[in-house]
Amino acid sequence: MTQQGNRLRIALTKGRLQDKSVELFEAMGLDCSPIRNPGRRLIHALPNYPLDAVLAKAPDVITYVEHGVCDLGIVGKDTILEQGKSFYEVLDLGFGRCRFALAVRQGSDFYGTYKTRRVASKYPNVTRSFFERKGMDVDIIKIEGSVELAPILDLADGIVDIVETGATLRENGLVPIEDVQTVSARLIVNTASMKLHKTQIEDFIGRCEAELEKRRKV
């Protein structure tokens, strides 16, 4: 949908996923110097492949792809699970791997009571789905900042959050008691773009798949 001069446009999540995306692209032979040295530009045209990159926060990547202003996007599965989707999720890129976990204060028995538990999270939809699968009714409290504070302040009995090493939890007297879901970076595609620019998008996906396969064999 966004093609200008037969170029595709991709939205990359700023931060670590952007860095890992650039590493992948460069391993595929794409010249990512405009992304590495952006200056004041907001759209970065790769000189040796018909692809323009936009750098955005994770929720905005989904918005841009859903509305068709970007043909493709790279975003964490955590954001996809929380926001829902009306696009194609075509490839697990393998990087940015972490997990959602339910964590509680050390020594507390989250499941050992019949009272309605309170759970704090930045991801209320992920949290709701997790407990619905268990058939449990919980009160979900949305927190924008440091969710680890909620149990410490007795605002919540537990939290659902992204866990990588678990160091932040341990430093605040919390322990993960159950994994909710493993997440990683995904390549997503606008539904109309997949039809209109099928050949070019499939070429890009194929290049990504080939490089990921090489990495798996190393």
N, C-alpha and C. Protein backbone atom coordinates (compact mmCIF):
# COMPACT_ATOMS: atom_id res chain seq x y z
N MET A 1 0.81 -1.21 0.00
CA MET A 1 0.00 0.00 0.00
C MET A 1 0.85 1.27 0.00
N THR A 2 2.05 1.18 0.60
CA THR A 2 2.83 2.40 0.78
C THR A 2 3.87 2.60 -0.30
N GLN A 3 3.90 1.73 -1.28
CA GLN A 3 4.99 1.76 -2.24
C GLN A 3 5.10 3.08 -2.98
N GLN A 4 6.34 3.58 -3.02
CA GLN A 4 6.67 4.73 -3.86
C GLN A 4 7.90 4.33 -4.64
N GLY A 5 7.78 4.29 -5.95
CA GLY A 5 8.91 3.85 -6.77
C GLY A 5 9.27 2.41 -6.50
N ASN A 6 8.26 1.57 -6.26
CA ASN A 6 8.46 0.15 -6.02
C ASN A 6 9.30 -0.15 -4.77
N ARG A 7 9.23 0.70 -3.79
CA ARG A 7 9.93 0.46 -2.53
C ARG A 7 8.93 0.07 -1.44
N LEU A 8 9.34 -0.87 -0.59
CA LEU A 8 8.55 -1.23 0.57
C LEU A 8 8.96 -0.36 1.75
N ARG A 9 8.08 -0.28 2.73
CA ARG A 9 8.40 0.47 3.94
C ARG A 9 8.21 -0.45 5.15
N ILE A 10 9.21 -0.43 6.05
CA ILE A 10 9.15 -1.28 7.25
C ILE A 10 9.29 -0.41 8.49
N ALA A 11 8.51 -0.70 9.52
CA ALA A 11 8.61 -0.02 10.80
C ALA A 11 9.39 -0.91 11.76
N LEU A 12 10.44 -0.36 12.36
CA LEU A 12 11.27 -1.10 13.30
C LEU A 12 11.06 -0.56 14.72
N THR A 13 10.96 -1.46 15.69
CA THR A 13 10.82 -1.04 17.08
C THR A 13 12.15 -0.49 17.58
N LYS A 14 12.12 0.73 18.10
CA LYS A 14 13.34 1.37 18.60
C LYS A 14 13.96 0.57 19.73
N GLY A 15 15.29 0.72 19.88
CA GLY A 15 15.97 0.07 20.99
C GLY A 15 16.63 -1.23 20.56
N ARG A 16 16.56 -2.23 21.44
CA ARG A 16 17.26 -3.49 21.19
C ARG A 16 16.73 -4.22 19.96
N LEU A 17 15.42 -4.16 19.74
CA LEU A 17 14.88 -4.84 18.56
C LEU A 17 15.35 -4.17 17.27
N GLN A 18 15.49 -2.85 17.31
CA GLN A 18 16.05 -2.14 16.16
C GLN A 18 17.48 -2.60 15.89
N ASP A 19 18.29 -2.68 16.95
CA ASP A 19 19.68 -3.10 16.79
C ASP A 19 19.77 -4.51 16.23
N LYS A 20 18.96 -5.41 16.76
CA LYS A 20 18.97 -6.80 16.29
C LYS A 20 18.44 -6.90 14.86
N SER A 21 17.46 -6.06 14.52
CA SER A 21 16.92 -6.05 13.15
C SER A 21 17.99 -5.62 12.17
N VAL A 22 18.73 -4.57 12.53
CA VAL A 22 19.80 -4.08 11.66
C VAL A 22 20.88 -5.15 11.49
N GLU A 23 21.23 -5.84 12.56
CA GLU A 23 22.20 -6.94 12.46
C GLU A 23 21.72 -8.00 11.48
N LEU A 24 20.44 -8.35 11.57
CA LEU A 24 19.87 -9.34 10.65
C LEU A 24 19.94 -8.84 9.20
N PHE A 25 19.52 -7.61 8.99
CA PHE A 25 19.51 -7.05 7.63
C PHE A 25 20.91 -7.01 7.04
N GLU A 26 21.89 -6.61 7.85
CA GLU A 26 23.26 -6.54 7.35
C GLU A 26 23.79 -7.92 7.03
N ALA A 27 23.41 -8.91 7.82
CA ALA A 27 23.82 -10.29 7.52
C ALA A 27 23.17 -10.77 6.22
N MET A 28 22.02 -10.19 5.87
CA MET A 28 21.33 -10.52 4.62
C MET A 28 21.95 -9.77 3.43
N GLY A 29 22.92 -8.88 3.71
CA GLY A 29 23.58 -8.12 2.65
C GLY A 29 22.98 -6.76 2.40
N LEU A 30 22.08 -6.29 3.30
CA LEU A 30 21.47 -4.98 3.11
C LEU A 30 22.34 -3.90 3.74
N ASP A 31 22.49 -2.78 3.06
CA ASP A 31 23.27 -1.65 3.56
C ASP A 31 22.39 -0.82 4.49
N CYS A 32 22.66 -0.92 5.79
CA CYS A 32 21.84 -0.23 6.80
C CYS A 32 22.50 1.04 7.33
N SER A 33 23.47 1.57 6.60
CA SER A 33 24.15 2.78 7.07
C SER A 33 23.19 3.95 7.31
N PRO A 34 22.11 4.12 6.52
CA PRO A 34 21.19 5.23 6.82
C PRO A 34 20.49 5.06 8.17
N ILE A 35 20.29 3.81 8.61
CA ILE A 35 19.65 3.59 9.92
C ILE A 35 20.67 3.81 11.03
N ARG A 36 21.90 3.37 10.80
CA ARG A 36 22.95 3.53 11.81
C ARG A 36 23.37 5.00 11.97
N ASN A 37 23.22 5.78 10.91
CA ASN A 37 23.59 7.19 10.94
C ASN A 37 22.39 8.03 10.46
N PRO A 38 21.35 8.10 11.29
CA PRO A 38 20.08 8.67 10.82
C PRO A 38 20.07 10.18 10.65
N GLY A 39 20.94 10.89 11.37
CA GLY A 39 20.86 12.35 11.33
C GLY A 39 19.49 12.80 11.79
N ARG A 40 18.87 13.73 11.06
CA ARG A 40 17.54 14.21 11.42
C ARG A 40 16.44 13.56 10.57
N ARG A 41 16.85 12.62 9.71
CA ARG A 41 15.86 11.97 8.85
C ARG A 41 14.93 11.08 9.67
N LEU A 42 13.69 11.00 9.25
CA LEU A 42 12.70 10.15 9.92
C LEU A 42 12.43 8.87 9.12
N ILE A 43 12.69 8.91 7.82
CA ILE A 43 12.54 7.73 6.96
C ILE A 43 13.91 7.44 6.35
N HIS A 44 14.35 6.20 6.47
CA HIS A 44 15.72 5.84 6.11
C HIS A 44 15.71 4.88 4.93
N ALA A 45 16.17 5.35 3.77
CA ALA A 45 16.14 4.55 2.54
C ALA A 45 17.41 3.71 2.44
N LEU A 46 17.25 2.40 2.37
CA LEU A 46 18.41 1.53 2.19
C LEU A 46 18.88 1.65 0.74
N PRO A 47 20.18 1.88 0.53
CA PRO A 47 20.66 2.18 -0.83
C PRO A 47 20.75 0.98 -1.77
N ASN A 48 20.85 -0.24 -1.23
CA ASN A 48 21.05 -1.39 -2.12
C ASN A 48 19.90 -2.39 -2.10
N TYR A 49 18.75 -1.96 -1.57
CA TYR A 49 17.55 -2.83 -1.56
C TYR A 49 16.34 -1.91 -1.48
N PRO A 50 15.25 -2.22 -2.18
CA PRO A 50 14.09 -1.31 -2.21
C PRO A 50 13.27 -1.35 -0.93
N LEU A 51 13.87 -0.83 0.14
CA LEU A 51 13.24 -0.85 1.45
C LEU A 51 13.55 0.44 2.19
N ASP A 52 12.52 1.07 2.74
CA ASP A 52 12.67 2.26 3.57
C ASP A 52 12.27 1.90 4.99
N ALA A 53 13.05 2.36 5.98
CA ALA A 53 12.80 2.02 7.38
C ALA A 53 12.32 3.23 8.16
N VAL A 54 11.33 2.99 9.03
CA VAL A 54 10.82 3.98 9.97
C VAL A 54 11.07 3.43 11.37
N LEU A 55 11.59 4.27 12.27
CA LEU A 55 11.86 3.84 13.64
C LEU A 55 10.73 4.34 14.55
N ALA A 56 10.18 3.43 15.36
CA ALA A 56 9.00 3.79 16.15
C ALA A 56 8.95 3.01 17.45
N LYS A 57 8.15 3.50 18.39
CA LYS A 57 7.85 2.74 19.59
C LYS A 57 6.99 1.53 19.21
N ALA A 58 7.08 0.49 20.04
CA ALA A 58 6.43 -0.78 19.69
C ALA A 58 4.93 -0.65 19.36
N PRO A 59 4.12 0.04 20.18
CA PRO A 59 2.70 0.14 19.83
C PRO A 59 2.47 0.85 18.49
N ASP A 60 3.34 1.82 18.18
CA ASP A 60 3.20 2.56 16.93
C ASP A 60 3.55 1.70 15.71
N VAL A 61 4.47 0.75 15.89
CA VAL A 61 4.78 -0.17 14.78
C VAL A 61 3.51 -0.88 14.34
N ILE A 62 2.76 -1.39 15.31
CA ILE A 62 1.50 -2.07 14.99
C ILE A 62 0.51 -1.11 14.33
N THR A 63 0.41 0.10 14.87
CA THR A 63 -0.51 1.09 14.29
C THR A 63 -0.15 1.39 12.84
N TYR A 64 1.13 1.60 12.56
CA TYR A 64 1.56 1.92 11.20
C TYR A 64 1.26 0.78 10.23
N VAL A 65 1.48 -0.46 10.68
CA VAL A 65 1.24 -1.61 9.80
C VAL A 65 -0.26 -1.83 9.62
N GLU A 66 -1.02 -1.73 10.69
CA GLU A 66 -2.47 -1.94 10.59
C GLU A 66 -3.11 -0.92 9.65
N HIS A 67 -2.63 0.32 9.70
CA HIS A 67 -3.23 1.37 8.87
C HIS A 67 -2.61 1.44 7.48
N GLY A 68 -1.63 0.60 7.22
CA GLY A 68 -1.10 0.51 5.87
C GLY A 68 -0.10 1.58 5.48
N VAL A 69 0.36 2.38 6.44
CA VAL A 69 1.38 3.38 6.10
C VAL A 69 2.76 2.74 6.08
N CYS A 70 2.88 1.53 6.66
CA CYS A 70 4.07 0.69 6.51
C CYS A 70 3.60 -0.69 6.05
N ASP A 71 4.36 -1.26 5.13
CA ASP A 71 3.99 -2.58 4.62
C ASP A 71 4.35 -3.69 5.61
N LEU A 72 5.48 -3.49 6.31
CA LEU A 72 5.99 -4.50 7.22
C LEU A 72 6.37 -3.86 8.55
N GLY A 73 6.56 -4.70 9.57
CA GLY A 73 7.01 -4.20 10.86
C GLY A 73 7.73 -5.30 11.62
N ILE A 74 8.61 -4.88 12.51
CA ILE A 74 9.25 -5.82 13.43
C ILE A 74 8.92 -5.34 14.84
N VAL A 75 8.27 -6.23 15.61
CA VAL A 75 7.76 -5.86 16.93
C VAL A 75 7.74 -7.10 17.80
N GLY A 76 7.79 -6.89 19.12
CA GLY A 76 7.77 -8.02 20.04
C GLY A 76 6.40 -8.67 20.12
N LYS A 77 6.40 -9.98 20.33
CA LYS A 77 5.14 -10.71 20.48
C LYS A 77 4.36 -10.20 21.68
N ASP A 78 5.05 -9.65 22.69
CA ASP A 78 4.36 -9.10 23.85
C ASP A 78 3.41 -7.99 23.45
N THR A 79 3.86 -7.12 22.54
CA THR A 79 3.00 -6.02 22.09
C THR A 79 1.85 -6.54 21.25
N ILE A 80 2.11 -7.54 20.43
CA ILE A 80 1.05 -8.15 19.62
C ILE A 80 -0.02 -8.75 20.51
N LEU A 81 0.40 -9.49 21.54
CA LEU A 81 -0.56 -10.13 22.44
C LEU A 81 -1.40 -9.09 23.18
N GLU A 82 -0.78 -7.98 23.56
CA GLU A 82 -1.50 -6.98 24.34
C GLU A 82 -2.44 -6.16 23.48
N GLN A 83 -2.03 -5.83 22.25
CA GLN A 83 -2.82 -4.92 21.42
C GLN A 83 -3.78 -5.63 20.48
N GLY A 84 -3.61 -6.94 20.31
CA GLY A 84 -4.42 -7.62 19.31
C GLY A 84 -3.83 -7.35 17.94
N LYS A 85 -4.46 -7.87 16.91
CA LYS A 85 -3.85 -7.68 15.60
C LYS A 85 -4.87 -7.81 14.48
N SER A 86 -4.65 -7.01 13.44
CA SER A 86 -5.36 -7.19 12.16
C SER A 86 -4.31 -7.07 11.07
N PHE A 87 -3.37 -7.99 11.10
CA PHE A 87 -2.27 -8.05 10.13
C PHE A 87 -1.77 -9.48 10.12
N TYR A 88 -0.86 -9.79 9.21
CA TYR A 88 -0.27 -11.12 9.17
C TYR A 88 1.00 -11.15 10.02
N GLU A 89 1.09 -12.15 10.87
CA GLU A 89 2.31 -12.40 11.65
C GLU A 89 3.03 -13.54 10.93
N VAL A 90 4.10 -13.22 10.20
CA VAL A 90 4.64 -14.18 9.23
C VAL A 90 5.91 -14.90 9.66
N LEU A 91 6.64 -14.34 10.65
CA LEU A 91 7.93 -14.94 10.96
C LEU A 91 8.34 -14.65 12.40
N ASP A 92 8.77 -15.70 13.10
CA ASP A 92 9.40 -15.54 14.42
C ASP A 92 10.88 -15.33 14.16
N LEU A 93 11.37 -14.14 14.48
CA LEU A 93 12.76 -13.78 14.18
C LEU A 93 13.76 -14.32 15.21
N GLY A 94 13.25 -14.81 16.33
CA GLY A 94 14.12 -15.49 17.29
C GLY A 94 14.84 -14.60 18.28
N PHE A 95 15.07 -13.33 17.93
CA PHE A 95 15.77 -12.46 18.88
C PHE A 95 14.77 -11.71 19.75
N GLY A 96 15.32 -11.01 20.77
CA GLY A 96 14.43 -10.33 21.72
C GLY A 96 13.65 -11.31 22.57
N ARG A 97 14.21 -12.50 22.78
CA ARG A 97 13.46 -13.55 23.48
C ARG A 97 13.44 -13.29 24.98
N CYS A 98 12.25 -13.38 25.56
CA CYS A 98 12.05 -13.26 27.00
C CYS A 98 10.72 -13.94 27.32
N ARG A 99 10.22 -13.74 28.52
CA ARG A 99 8.97 -14.41 28.87
C ARG A 99 8.10 -13.54 29.77
N PHE A 100 6.80 -13.75 29.65
CA PHE A 100 5.87 -13.22 30.64
C PHE A 100 5.86 -14.20 31.81
N ALA A 101 5.87 -13.68 33.03
CA ALA A 101 5.79 -14.56 34.20
C ALA A 101 4.90 -13.93 35.27
N LEU A 102 4.28 -14.79 36.04
CA LEU A 102 3.55 -14.37 37.23
C LEU A 102 4.53 -14.39 38.39
N ALA A 103 4.67 -13.27 39.08
CA ALA A 103 5.62 -13.18 40.20
C ALA A 103 4.91 -12.67 41.44
N VAL A 104 5.39 -13.13 42.60
CA VAL A 104 4.78 -12.75 43.89
C VAL A 104 5.90 -12.45 44.89
N ARG A 105 5.52 -11.93 46.05
CA ARG A 105 6.51 -11.72 47.10
C ARG A 105 7.03 -13.05 47.61
N GLN A 106 8.31 -13.08 47.90
CA GLN A 106 8.95 -14.28 48.43
C GLN A 106 8.17 -14.78 49.65
N GLY A 107 7.79 -16.06 49.61
CA GLY A 107 7.12 -16.67 50.76
C GLY A 107 5.61 -16.58 50.74
N SER A 108 5.03 -15.81 49.81
CA SER A 108 3.56 -15.70 49.77
C SER A 108 2.97 -16.86 48.96
N ASP A 109 1.73 -17.22 49.29
CA ASP A 109 1.04 -18.34 48.63
C ASP A 109 -0.09 -17.77 47.77
N PHE A 110 0.22 -17.48 46.52
CA PHE A 110 -0.74 -16.81 45.65
C PHE A 110 -2.00 -17.63 45.45
N TYR A 111 -1.83 -18.93 45.26
CA TYR A 111 -2.98 -19.79 44.94
C TYR A 111 -3.65 -20.37 46.19
N GLY A 112 -3.09 -20.12 47.38
CA GLY A 112 -3.61 -20.76 48.58
C GLY A 112 -4.69 -19.98 49.28
N THR A 113 -5.56 -19.31 48.56
CA THR A 113 -6.66 -18.56 49.16
C THR A 113 -7.84 -18.54 48.19
N TYR A 114 -9.03 -18.39 48.74
CA TYR A 114 -10.23 -18.32 47.90
C TYR A 114 -10.63 -16.88 47.59
N LYS A 115 -9.96 -15.94 48.21
CA LYS A 115 -10.33 -14.54 47.94
C LYS A 115 -9.87 -14.15 46.53
N THR A 116 -10.53 -13.16 45.99
CA THR A 116 -10.16 -12.68 44.66
C THR A 116 -8.79 -12.02 44.71
N ARG A 117 -7.88 -12.53 43.90
CA ARG A 117 -6.53 -11.98 43.89
C ARG A 117 -6.47 -10.70 43.06
N ARG A 118 -5.59 -9.82 43.47
CA ARG A 118 -5.32 -8.60 42.70
C ARG A 118 -3.97 -8.76 42.01
N VAL A 119 -3.97 -8.50 40.71
CA VAL A 119 -2.75 -8.67 39.92
C VAL A 119 -2.46 -7.38 39.18
N ALA A 120 -1.24 -6.87 39.34
CA ALA A 120 -0.83 -5.64 38.66
C ALA A 120 -0.01 -5.98 37.43
N SER A 121 -0.18 -5.19 36.37
CA SER A 121 0.57 -5.46 35.13
C SER A 121 0.50 -4.26 34.20
N LYS A 122 1.54 -4.13 33.38
CA LYS A 122 1.49 -3.19 32.26
C LYS A 122 0.72 -3.80 31.10
N TYR A 123 0.41 -5.10 31.22
CA TYR A 123 -0.20 -5.84 30.12
C TYR A 123 -1.52 -6.46 30.59
N PRO A 124 -2.57 -5.64 30.78
CA PRO A 124 -3.83 -6.18 31.32
C PRO A 124 -4.49 -7.23 30.43
N ASN A 125 -4.38 -7.09 29.12
CA ASN A 125 -5.02 -8.07 28.25
C ASN A 125 -4.33 -9.43 28.31
N VAL A 126 -3.00 -9.42 28.33
CA VAL A 126 -2.24 -10.66 28.49
C VAL A 126 -2.58 -11.31 29.82
N THR A 127 -2.63 -10.50 30.87
CA THR A 127 -2.94 -11.01 32.21
C THR A 127 -4.34 -11.60 32.27
N ARG A 128 -5.31 -10.89 31.70
CA ARG A 128 -6.70 -11.37 31.70
C ARG A 128 -6.82 -12.70 30.97
N SER A 129 -6.18 -12.81 29.82
CA SER A 129 -6.24 -14.05 29.04
C SER A 129 -5.64 -15.22 29.81
N PHE A 130 -4.53 -14.97 30.50
CA PHE A 130 -3.85 -16.01 31.27
C PHE A 130 -4.77 -16.57 32.34
N PHE A 131 -5.39 -15.70 33.10
CA PHE A 131 -6.24 -16.19 34.20
C PHE A 131 -7.58 -16.72 33.70
N GLU A 132 -8.06 -16.21 32.58
CA GLU A 132 -9.28 -16.79 31.99
C GLU A 132 -9.05 -18.23 31.58
N ARG A 133 -7.86 -18.53 31.05
CA ARG A 133 -7.55 -19.91 30.68
C ARG A 133 -7.53 -20.82 31.91
N LYS A 134 -7.23 -20.24 33.07
CA LYS A 134 -7.24 -21.01 34.31
C LYS A 134 -8.62 -21.05 34.96
N GLY A 135 -9.55 -20.27 34.42
CA GLY A 135 -10.88 -20.19 35.01
C GLY A 135 -10.90 -19.41 36.31
N MET A 136 -9.95 -18.48 36.47
CA MET A 136 -9.84 -17.69 37.70
C MET A 136 -10.32 -16.27 37.48
N ASP A 137 -11.03 -15.76 38.46
CA ASP A 137 -11.48 -14.37 38.44
C ASP A 137 -10.50 -13.54 39.27
N VAL A 138 -9.82 -12.60 38.64
CA VAL A 138 -8.87 -11.74 39.35
C VAL A 138 -9.18 -10.27 39.06
N ASP A 139 -8.78 -9.42 39.98
CA ASP A 139 -8.86 -7.97 39.75
C ASP A 139 -7.53 -7.54 39.14
N ILE A 140 -7.58 -6.92 37.97
CA ILE A 140 -6.37 -6.52 37.27
C ILE A 140 -6.18 -5.01 37.43
N ILE A 141 -5.00 -4.63 37.88
CA ILE A 141 -4.66 -3.22 38.08
C ILE A 141 -3.58 -2.85 37.07
N LYS A 142 -3.87 -1.89 36.20
CA LYS A 142 -2.90 -1.49 35.19
C LYS A 142 -1.90 -0.50 35.79
N ILE A 143 -0.63 -0.82 35.62
CA ILE A 143 0.46 0.02 36.11
C ILE A 143 1.31 0.44 34.92
N GLU A 144 1.66 1.71 34.85
CA GLU A 144 2.48 2.20 33.75
C GLU A 144 3.97 2.19 34.07
N GLY A 145 4.29 2.33 35.34
CA GLY A 145 5.69 2.43 35.74
C GLY A 145 6.24 1.11 36.23
N SER A 146 6.99 1.16 37.34
CA SER A 146 7.63 -0.04 37.89
C SER A 146 6.59 -0.92 38.56
N VAL A 147 6.21 -1.96 37.87
CA VAL A 147 5.13 -2.83 38.35
C VAL A 147 5.54 -3.59 39.61
N GLU A 148 6.86 -3.74 39.83
CA GLU A 148 7.35 -4.47 41.01
C GLU A 148 6.93 -3.79 42.32
N LEU A 149 6.61 -2.50 42.24
CA LEU A 149 6.19 -1.77 43.44
C LEU A 149 4.85 -2.25 43.98
N ALA A 150 3.99 -2.76 43.11
CA ALA A 150 2.61 -3.07 43.50
C ALA A 150 2.53 -4.06 44.66
N PRO A 151 3.24 -5.20 44.62
CA PRO A 151 3.18 -6.11 45.78
C PRO A 151 3.87 -5.53 47.01
N ILE A 152 4.94 -4.77 46.80
CA ILE A 152 5.67 -4.18 47.93
C ILE A 152 4.77 -3.22 48.70
N LEU A 153 3.93 -2.48 47.96
CA LEU A 153 3.02 -1.51 48.58
C LEU A 153 1.68 -2.11 48.98
N ASP A 154 1.56 -3.45 48.82
CA ASP A 154 0.30 -4.16 49.11
C ASP A 154 -0.85 -3.71 48.21
N LEU A 155 -0.50 -3.19 47.04
CA LEU A 155 -1.53 -2.86 46.07
C LEU A 155 -2.03 -4.12 45.36
N ALA A 156 -1.15 -5.12 45.22
CA ALA A 156 -1.51 -6.34 44.49
C ALA A 156 -0.88 -7.56 45.15
N ASP A 157 -1.48 -8.71 44.88
CA ASP A 157 -0.96 -9.98 45.40
C ASP A 157 0.14 -10.54 44.50
N GLY A 158 0.15 -10.11 43.25
CA GLY A 158 1.16 -10.59 42.32
C GLY A 158 1.22 -9.66 41.12
N ILE A 159 2.18 -9.92 40.26
CA ILE A 159 2.32 -9.14 39.03
C ILE A 159 2.51 -10.09 37.85
N VAL A 160 2.13 -9.63 36.69
CA VAL A 160 2.49 -10.31 35.43
C VAL A 160 3.33 -9.32 34.64
N ASP A 161 4.56 -9.73 34.33
CA ASP A 161 5.45 -8.81 33.65
C ASP A 161 6.45 -9.60 32.81
N ILE A 162 7.18 -8.87 31.96
CA ILE A 162 8.25 -9.46 31.16
C ILE A 162 9.45 -9.74 32.06
N VAL A 163 9.97 -10.94 31.96
CA VAL A 163 11.13 -11.34 32.75
C VAL A 163 12.23 -11.80 31.80
N GLU A 164 13.42 -11.27 31.99
CA GLU A 164 14.58 -11.75 31.22
C GLU A 164 15.50 -12.53 32.16
N THR A 165 16.22 -11.86 33.03
CA THR A 165 17.11 -12.56 33.96
C THR A 165 16.47 -12.79 35.32
N GLY A 166 15.45 -12.00 35.66
CA GLY A 166 14.83 -12.09 36.98
C GLY A 166 15.54 -11.29 38.05
N ALA A 167 16.61 -10.56 37.67
CA ALA A 167 17.41 -9.82 38.66
C ALA A 167 16.58 -8.74 39.35
N THR A 168 15.77 -8.00 38.58
CA THR A 168 14.96 -6.93 39.18
C THR A 168 13.96 -7.50 40.18
N LEU A 169 13.38 -8.64 39.86
CA LEU A 169 12.45 -9.28 40.79
C LEU A 169 13.16 -9.65 42.10
N ARG A 170 14.30 -10.30 41.96
CA ARG A 170 15.04 -10.74 43.16
C ARG A 170 15.43 -9.56 44.04
N GLU A 171 15.89 -8.48 43.41
CA GLU A 171 16.32 -7.31 44.17
C GLU A 171 15.17 -6.67 44.95
N ASN A 172 13.94 -6.96 44.53
CA ASN A 172 12.78 -6.38 45.20
C ASN A 172 11.97 -7.43 45.97
N GLY A 173 12.60 -8.57 46.26
CA GLY A 173 11.96 -9.59 47.10
C GLY A 173 10.83 -10.34 46.42
N LEU A 174 10.85 -10.39 45.08
CA LEU A 174 9.81 -11.09 44.33
C LEU A 174 10.38 -12.32 43.65
N VAL A 175 9.53 -13.32 43.44
CA VAL A 175 9.96 -14.54 42.76
C VAL A 175 8.93 -14.91 41.70
N PRO A 176 9.38 -15.32 40.50
CA PRO A 176 8.44 -15.83 39.50
C PRO A 176 7.95 -17.21 39.91
N ILE A 177 6.65 -17.43 39.87
CA ILE A 177 6.11 -18.73 40.26
C ILE A 177 5.50 -19.49 39.09
N GLU A 178 5.28 -18.79 37.97
CA GLU A 178 4.69 -19.48 36.82
C GLU A 178 4.96 -18.69 35.54
N ASP A 179 5.40 -19.39 34.50
CA ASP A 179 5.56 -18.75 33.21
C ASP A 179 4.21 -18.59 32.55
N VAL A 180 3.99 -17.44 31.94
CA VAL A 180 2.74 -17.17 31.22
C VAL A 180 2.90 -17.47 29.74
N GLN A 181 3.97 -16.95 29.13
CA GLN A 181 4.23 -17.19 27.71
C GLN A 181 5.60 -16.67 27.34
N THR A 182 6.27 -17.42 26.45
CA THR A 182 7.53 -16.95 25.89
C THR A 182 7.24 -16.03 24.72
N VAL A 183 8.00 -14.95 24.60
CA VAL A 183 7.80 -14.00 23.51
C VAL A 183 9.13 -13.69 22.84
N SER A 184 9.06 -13.23 21.59
CA SER A 184 10.24 -12.85 20.82
C SER A 184 9.80 -11.89 19.72
N ALA A 185 10.75 -11.40 18.95
CA ALA A 185 10.44 -10.45 17.87
C ALA A 185 9.76 -11.16 16.71
N ARG A 186 8.79 -10.51 16.12
CA ARG A 186 8.05 -11.07 14.98
C ARG A 186 8.05 -10.09 13.80
N LEU A 187 8.04 -10.66 12.61
CA LEU A 187 7.86 -9.87 11.39
C LEU A 187 6.38 -9.89 11.05
N ILE A 188 5.79 -8.70 10.92
CA ILE A 188 4.36 -8.60 10.60
C ILE A 188 4.20 -7.87 9.27
N VAL A 189 3.06 -8.15 8.60
CA VAL A 189 2.81 -7.60 7.26
C VAL A 189 1.38 -7.08 7.18
N ASN A 190 1.21 -5.92 6.60
CA ASN A 190 -0.12 -5.37 6.33
C ASN A 190 -0.88 -6.30 5.38
N THR A 191 -2.15 -6.54 5.66
CA THR A 191 -2.91 -7.52 4.89
C THR A 191 -3.07 -7.12 3.42
N ALA A 192 -3.33 -5.84 3.17
CA ALA A 192 -3.48 -5.39 1.78
C ALA A 192 -2.15 -5.42 1.05
N SER A 193 -1.06 -5.02 1.74
CA SER A 193 0.26 -5.03 1.11
C SER A 193 0.66 -6.44 0.67
N MET A 194 0.29 -7.44 1.48
CA MET A 194 0.64 -8.81 1.14
C MET A 194 0.02 -9.23 -0.20
N LYS A 195 -1.14 -8.69 -0.49
CA LYS A 195 -1.79 -9.00 -1.77
C LYS A 195 -1.21 -8.15 -2.90
N LEU A 196 -1.03 -6.86 -2.63
CA LEU A 196 -0.62 -5.93 -3.68
C LEU A 196 0.86 -6.08 -4.05
N HIS A 197 1.70 -6.41 -3.09
CA HIS A 197 3.14 -6.47 -3.31
C HIS A 197 3.70 -7.83 -2.92
N LYS A 198 2.94 -8.85 -3.27
CA LYS A 198 3.24 -10.22 -2.83
C LYS A 198 4.65 -10.66 -3.21
N THR A 199 5.06 -10.41 -4.44
CA THR A 199 6.37 -10.89 -4.89
C THR A 199 7.50 -10.25 -4.10
N GLN A 200 7.44 -8.93 -3.92
CA GLN A 200 8.50 -8.25 -3.20
C GLN A 200 8.54 -8.61 -1.72
N ILE A 201 7.35 -8.73 -1.12
CA ILE A 201 7.30 -9.08 0.29
C ILE A 201 7.78 -10.52 0.50
N GLU A 202 7.40 -11.41 -0.38
CA GLU A 202 7.87 -12.79 -0.26
C GLU A 202 9.38 -12.89 -0.47
N ASP A 203 9.93 -12.03 -1.33
CA ASP A 203 11.38 -12.00 -1.51
C ASP A 203 12.06 -11.59 -0.20
N PHE A 204 11.53 -10.57 0.46
CA PHE A 204 12.10 -10.10 1.72
C PHE A 204 11.98 -11.17 2.80
N ILE A 205 10.80 -11.76 2.91
CA ILE A 205 10.60 -12.83 3.91
C ILE A 205 11.57 -13.98 3.64
N GLY A 206 11.73 -14.34 2.38
CA GLY A 206 12.63 -15.44 2.01
C GLY A 206 14.07 -15.15 2.41
N ARG A 207 14.50 -13.90 2.23
CA ARG A 207 15.86 -13.52 2.62
C ARG A 207 16.03 -13.61 4.14
N CYS A 208 15.00 -13.18 4.87
CA CYS A 208 15.05 -13.29 6.34
C CYS A 208 15.12 -14.76 6.76
N GLU A 209 14.28 -15.57 6.17
CA GLU A 209 14.25 -16.99 6.52
C GLU A 209 15.59 -17.67 6.23
N ALA A 210 16.20 -17.34 5.10
CA ALA A 210 17.48 -17.95 4.73
C ALA A 210 18.56 -17.60 5.74
N GLU A 211 18.61 -16.35 6.18
CA GLU A 211 19.61 -15.94 7.14
C GLU A 211 19.35 -16.59 8.52
N LEU A 212 18.08 -16.66 8.92
CA LEU A 212 17.76 -17.29 10.19
C LEU A 212 18.12 -18.77 10.18
N GLU A 213 17.92 -19.41 9.03
CA GLU A 213 18.27 -20.82 8.90
C GLU A 213 19.79 -21.02 9.02
N LYS A 214 20.55 -20.10 8.44
CA LYS A 214 22.02 -20.16 8.58
C LYS A 214 22.42 -20.08 10.05
N ARG A 215 21.77 -19.19 10.78
CA ARG A 215 22.11 -19.01 12.20
C ARG A 215 21.78 -20.27 13.00
N ARG A 216 20.68 -20.91 12.64
CA ARG A 216 20.30 -22.12 13.37
C ARG A 216 21.30 -23.25 13.17
N LYS A 217 21.99 -23.23 12.01
CA LYS A 217 22.92 -24.30 11.70
C LYS A 217 24.31 -24.07 12.30
N VAL A 218 24.56 -22.84 12.75
CA VAL A 218 25.88 -22.53 13.32
C VAL A 218 26.02 -23.17 14.71
